[in-house]
C-alpha atoms as a PDB file:
ATOM      1  CA  GLN A   1       6.666  25.283  -3.326  1.00  0.00           C
ATOM      2  CA  VAL A   2       5.039  25.010  -6.720  1.00  0.00           C
ATOM      3  CA  GLN A   3       5.608  27.949  -9.046  1.00  0.00           C
ATOM      4  CA  LEU A   4       4.216  28.667 -12.503  1.00  0.00           C
ATOM      5  CA  VAL A   5       5.691  31.594 -14.409  1.00  0.00           C
ATOM      6  CA  GLU A   6       4.097  32.730 -17.663  1.00  0.00           C
ATOM      7  CA  SER A   7       5.652  34.936 -20.301  1.00  0.00           C
ATOM      8  CA  GLY A   8       5.160  35.897 -23.919  1.00  0.00           C
ATOM      9  CA  GLY A   9       2.117  38.137 -23.839  1.00  0.00           C
ATOM     10  CA  GLY A  10       1.943  41.456 -25.611  1.00  0.00           C
ATOM     11  CA  LEU A  11       0.146  43.655 -28.098  1.00  0.00           C
ATOM     12  CA  VAL A  12      -0.486  42.274 -31.574  1.00  0.00           C
ATOM     13  CA  GLN A  13      -2.677  43.185 -34.520  1.00  0.00           C
ATOM     14  CA  ALA A  14      -5.583  40.995 -35.538  1.00  0.00           C
ATOM     15  CA  GLY A  15      -4.324  38.085 -37.602  1.00  0.00           C
ATOM     16  CA  GLY A  16      -1.009  38.032 -35.811  1.00  0.00           C
ATOM     17  CA  SER A  17       0.576  35.420 -33.593  1.00  0.00           C
ATOM     18  CA  LEU A  18       1.983  35.109 -30.098  1.00  0.00           C
ATOM     19  CA  ARG A  19       3.563  32.248 -28.184  1.00  0.00           C
ATOM     20  CA  LEU A  20       2.993  32.020 -24.456  1.00  0.00           C
ATOM     21  CA  SER A  21       5.297  30.037 -22.190  1.00  0.00           C
ATOM     22  CA  CYS A  22       4.758  28.657 -18.704  1.00  0.00           C
ATOM     23  CA  VAL A  23       7.700  27.318 -16.732  1.00  0.00           C
ATOM     24  CA  VAL A  24       6.794  25.093 -13.808  1.00  0.00           C
ATOM     25  CA  SER A  25       8.899  24.290 -10.747  1.00  0.00           C
ATOM     26  CA  GLY A  26       8.406  22.516  -7.440  1.00  0.00           C
ATOM     27  CA  THR A  27       6.548  19.500  -8.796  1.00  0.00           C
ATOM     28  CA  ILE A  28       7.103  16.484 -11.031  1.00  0.00           C
ATOM     29  CA  PHE A  29       6.072  18.290 -14.195  1.00  0.00           C
ATOM     30  CA  SER A  30       6.259  15.255 -16.460  1.00  0.00           C
ATOM     31  CA  SER A  31       3.390  13.583 -14.621  1.00  0.00           C
ATOM     32  CA  LYS A  32       1.080  16.597 -14.562  1.00  0.00           C
ATOM     33  CA  THR A  33      -1.748  17.691 -16.798  1.00  0.00           C
ATOM     34  CA  MET A  34      -1.521  21.391 -17.596  1.00  0.00           C
ATOM     35  CA  ARG A  35      -4.214  23.844 -18.632  1.00  0.00           C
ATOM     36  CA  TRP A  36      -4.427  27.344 -20.037  1.00  0.00           C
ATOM     37  CA  TYR A  37      -7.248  29.677 -19.092  1.00  0.00           C
ATOM     38  CA  ARG A  38      -7.999  33.294 -19.918  1.00  0.00           C
ATOM     39  CA  GLN A  39      -9.970  36.104 -18.364  1.00  0.00           C
ATOM     40  CA  ALA A  40     -11.208  39.089 -20.321  1.00  0.00           C
ATOM     41  CA  PRO A  41     -12.230  42.324 -18.579  1.00  0.00           C
ATOM     42  CA  GLY A  42     -15.620  41.946 -16.938  1.00  0.00           C
ATOM     43  CA  LYS A  43     -15.848  38.235 -17.760  1.00  0.00           C
ATOM     44  CA  GLN A  44     -15.293  35.007 -15.903  1.00  0.00           C
ATOM     45  CA  ARG A  45     -12.128  33.018 -16.348  1.00  0.00           C
ATOM     46  CA  GLU A  46     -12.594  30.482 -19.138  1.00  0.00           C
ATOM     47  CA  PHE A  47     -10.863  27.314 -20.237  1.00  0.00           C
ATOM     48  CA  VAL A  48      -8.630  27.575 -23.299  1.00  0.00           C
ATOM     49  CA  ALA A  49      -6.548  24.409 -23.639  1.00  0.00           C
ATOM     50  CA  HIS A  50      -5.465  21.247 -21.883  1.00  0.00           C
ATOM     51  CA  ILE A  51      -2.464  18.973 -22.348  1.00  0.00           C
ATOM     52  CA  THR A  52      -1.861  15.624 -20.662  1.00  0.00           C
ATOM     53  CA  PRO A  53       1.549  14.335 -19.564  1.00  0.00           C
ATOM     54  CA  GLY A  54       1.737  12.359 -22.797  1.00  0.00           C
ATOM     55  CA  GLY A  55       0.876  15.359 -24.966  1.00  0.00           C
ATOM     56  CA  ALA A  56      -2.797  14.764 -25.756  1.00  0.00           C
ATOM     57  CA  THR A  57      -4.590  18.058 -26.164  1.00  0.00           C
ATOM     58  CA  ASN A  58      -8.083  19.495 -25.970  1.00  0.00           C
ATOM     59  CA  TYR A  59      -9.224  23.017 -26.839  1.00  0.00           C
ATOM     60  CA  ALA A  60     -12.136  25.349 -26.338  1.00  0.00           C
ATOM     61  CA  ASP A  61     -14.235  25.632 -29.487  1.00  0.00           C
ATOM     62  CA  SER A  62     -13.417  29.337 -29.732  1.00  0.00           C
ATOM     63  CA  VAL A  63      -9.690  28.663 -30.226  1.00  0.00           C
ATOM     64  CA  LYS A  64      -9.705  25.296 -31.961  1.00  0.00           C
ATOM     65  CA  ASP A  65      -7.645  25.292 -35.185  1.00  0.00           C
ATOM     66  CA  ARG A  66      -5.958  28.573 -34.174  1.00  0.00           C
ATOM     67  CA  PHE A  67      -4.196  27.716 -30.894  1.00  0.00           C
ATOM     68  CA  THR A  68      -1.790  24.851 -30.243  1.00  0.00           C
ATOM     69  CA  CYS A  69      -0.675  23.665 -26.830  1.00  0.00           C
ATOM     70  CA  SER A  70       2.600  21.768 -26.465  1.00  0.00           C
ATOM     71  CA  ARG A  71       5.059  20.811 -23.753  1.00  0.00           C
ATOM     72  CA  ASP A  72       8.641  19.782 -23.158  1.00  0.00           C
ATOM     73  CA  ASN A  73       8.890  17.671 -20.029  1.00  0.00           C
ATOM     74  CA  ALA A  74      12.679  18.009 -19.970  1.00  0.00           C
ATOM     75  CA  LYS A  75      12.308  21.795 -19.743  1.00  0.00           C
ATOM     76  CA  ASN A  76       9.314  21.819 -17.363  1.00  0.00           C
ATOM     77  CA  THR A  77       7.625  24.083 -19.872  1.00  0.00           C
ATOM     78  CA  VAL A  78       4.245  24.266 -21.567  1.00  0.00           C
ATOM     79  CA  TRP A  79       3.541  26.579 -24.502  1.00  0.00           C
ATOM     80  CA  LEU A  80       0.450  28.048 -26.099  1.00  0.00           C
ATOM     81  CA  GLN A  81       1.001  29.003 -29.731  1.00  0.00           C
ATOM     82  CA  MET A  82      -1.721  31.431 -30.765  1.00  0.00           C
ATOM     83  CA  ASN A  83      -2.231  32.121 -34.462  1.00  0.00           C
ATOM     84  CA  ASN A  84      -4.763  34.221 -36.366  1.00  0.00           C
ATOM     85  CA  LEU A  85      -5.488  36.195 -33.230  1.00  0.00           C
ATOM     86  CA  LYS A  86      -8.759  38.093 -32.975  1.00  0.00           C
ATOM     87  CA  PRO A  87      -9.734  41.093 -30.824  1.00  0.00           C
ATOM     88  CA  GLU A  88     -11.964  38.787 -28.782  1.00  0.00           C
ATOM     89  CA  ASP A  89      -8.843  36.849 -27.726  1.00  0.00           C
ATOM     90  CA  THR A  90      -7.804  39.872 -25.648  1.00  0.00           C
ATOM     91  CA  ALA A  91      -7.449  38.686 -22.052  1.00  0.00           C
ATOM     92  CA  VAL A  92      -5.053  37.809 -19.291  1.00  0.00           C
ATOM     93  CA  TYR A  93      -3.849  34.271 -19.932  1.00  0.00           C
ATOM     94  CA  TYR A  94      -3.048  31.931 -17.054  1.00  0.00           C
ATOM     95  CA  CYS A  95      -1.460  28.520 -16.888  1.00  0.00           C
ATOM     96  CA  ASN A  96      -2.758  26.098 -14.307  1.00  0.00           C
ATOM     97  CA  LEU A  97      -1.549  22.856 -12.814  1.00  0.00           C
ATOM     98  CA  ALA A  98      -4.713  20.886 -13.541  1.00  0.00           C
ATOM     99  CA  PHE A  99      -6.834  19.665 -10.612  1.00  0.00           C
ATOM    100  CA  THR A 100      -4.987  21.962  -8.201  1.00  0.00           C
ATOM    101  CA  GLY A 101      -5.149  25.546  -7.068  1.00  0.00           C
ATOM    102  CA  TRP A 102      -1.729  26.356  -8.493  1.00  0.00           C
ATOM    103  CA  TRP A 103      -1.817  29.184 -11.042  1.00  0.00           C
ATOM    104  CA  GLY A 104       0.645  31.440 -12.725  1.00  0.00           C
ATOM    105  CA  GLN A 105       0.545  35.198 -12.343  1.00  0.00           C
ATOM    106  CA  GLY A 106      -0.944  35.691 -15.790  1.00  0.00           C
ATOM    107  CA  THR A 107       0.280  37.397 -18.933  1.00  0.00           C
ATOM    108  CA  GLN A 108      -1.670  40.057 -20.837  1.00  0.00           C
ATOM    109  CA  VAL A 109      -2.567  39.478 -24.472  1.00  0.00           C
ATOM    110  CA  THR A 110      -4.072  42.407 -26.347  1.00  0.00           C
ATOM    111  CA  VAL A 111      -5.237  42.074 -29.941  1.00  0.00           C
ATOM    112  CA  SER A 112      -5.994  45.275 -31.817  1.00  0.00           C
ATOM    113  CA  SER A 113      -8.419  45.422 -34.724  1.00  0.00           C
END
C-alpha cells in the first residue's frame, strides 16, 4: 500500500517561509518522479513543482524563484521550501506520486497579509 504523508503547513505572514515535507512508503521511492500541487478555496487543483528521481526540477511560473523542491532518496522524502510567501499562496498543498492516483492527505498553508 502506497502512502504519502505531508507535514509542515501552517500560518505565516507575507514574506515568510515554510518547508513542507512528504514521506513516501510502499513504493520504490528512488525511481519515482514526485509532484506538488495546491488547491485554493473555490479553485481547481494546480501544479506547483516536479522533481525527477535524479533531482531535476520544474516549477509553475507563479512560484518560480521562490519555491524549491528537493528530495532525499535514502529518507523517502521530498520537500518543498517556500520562501517570500504571498497571500495568493494560501491553499492546501498535496504531494503526488507522478503519473499515478496516489496523493497525500494535504497540508494547509495560510499566508496573511
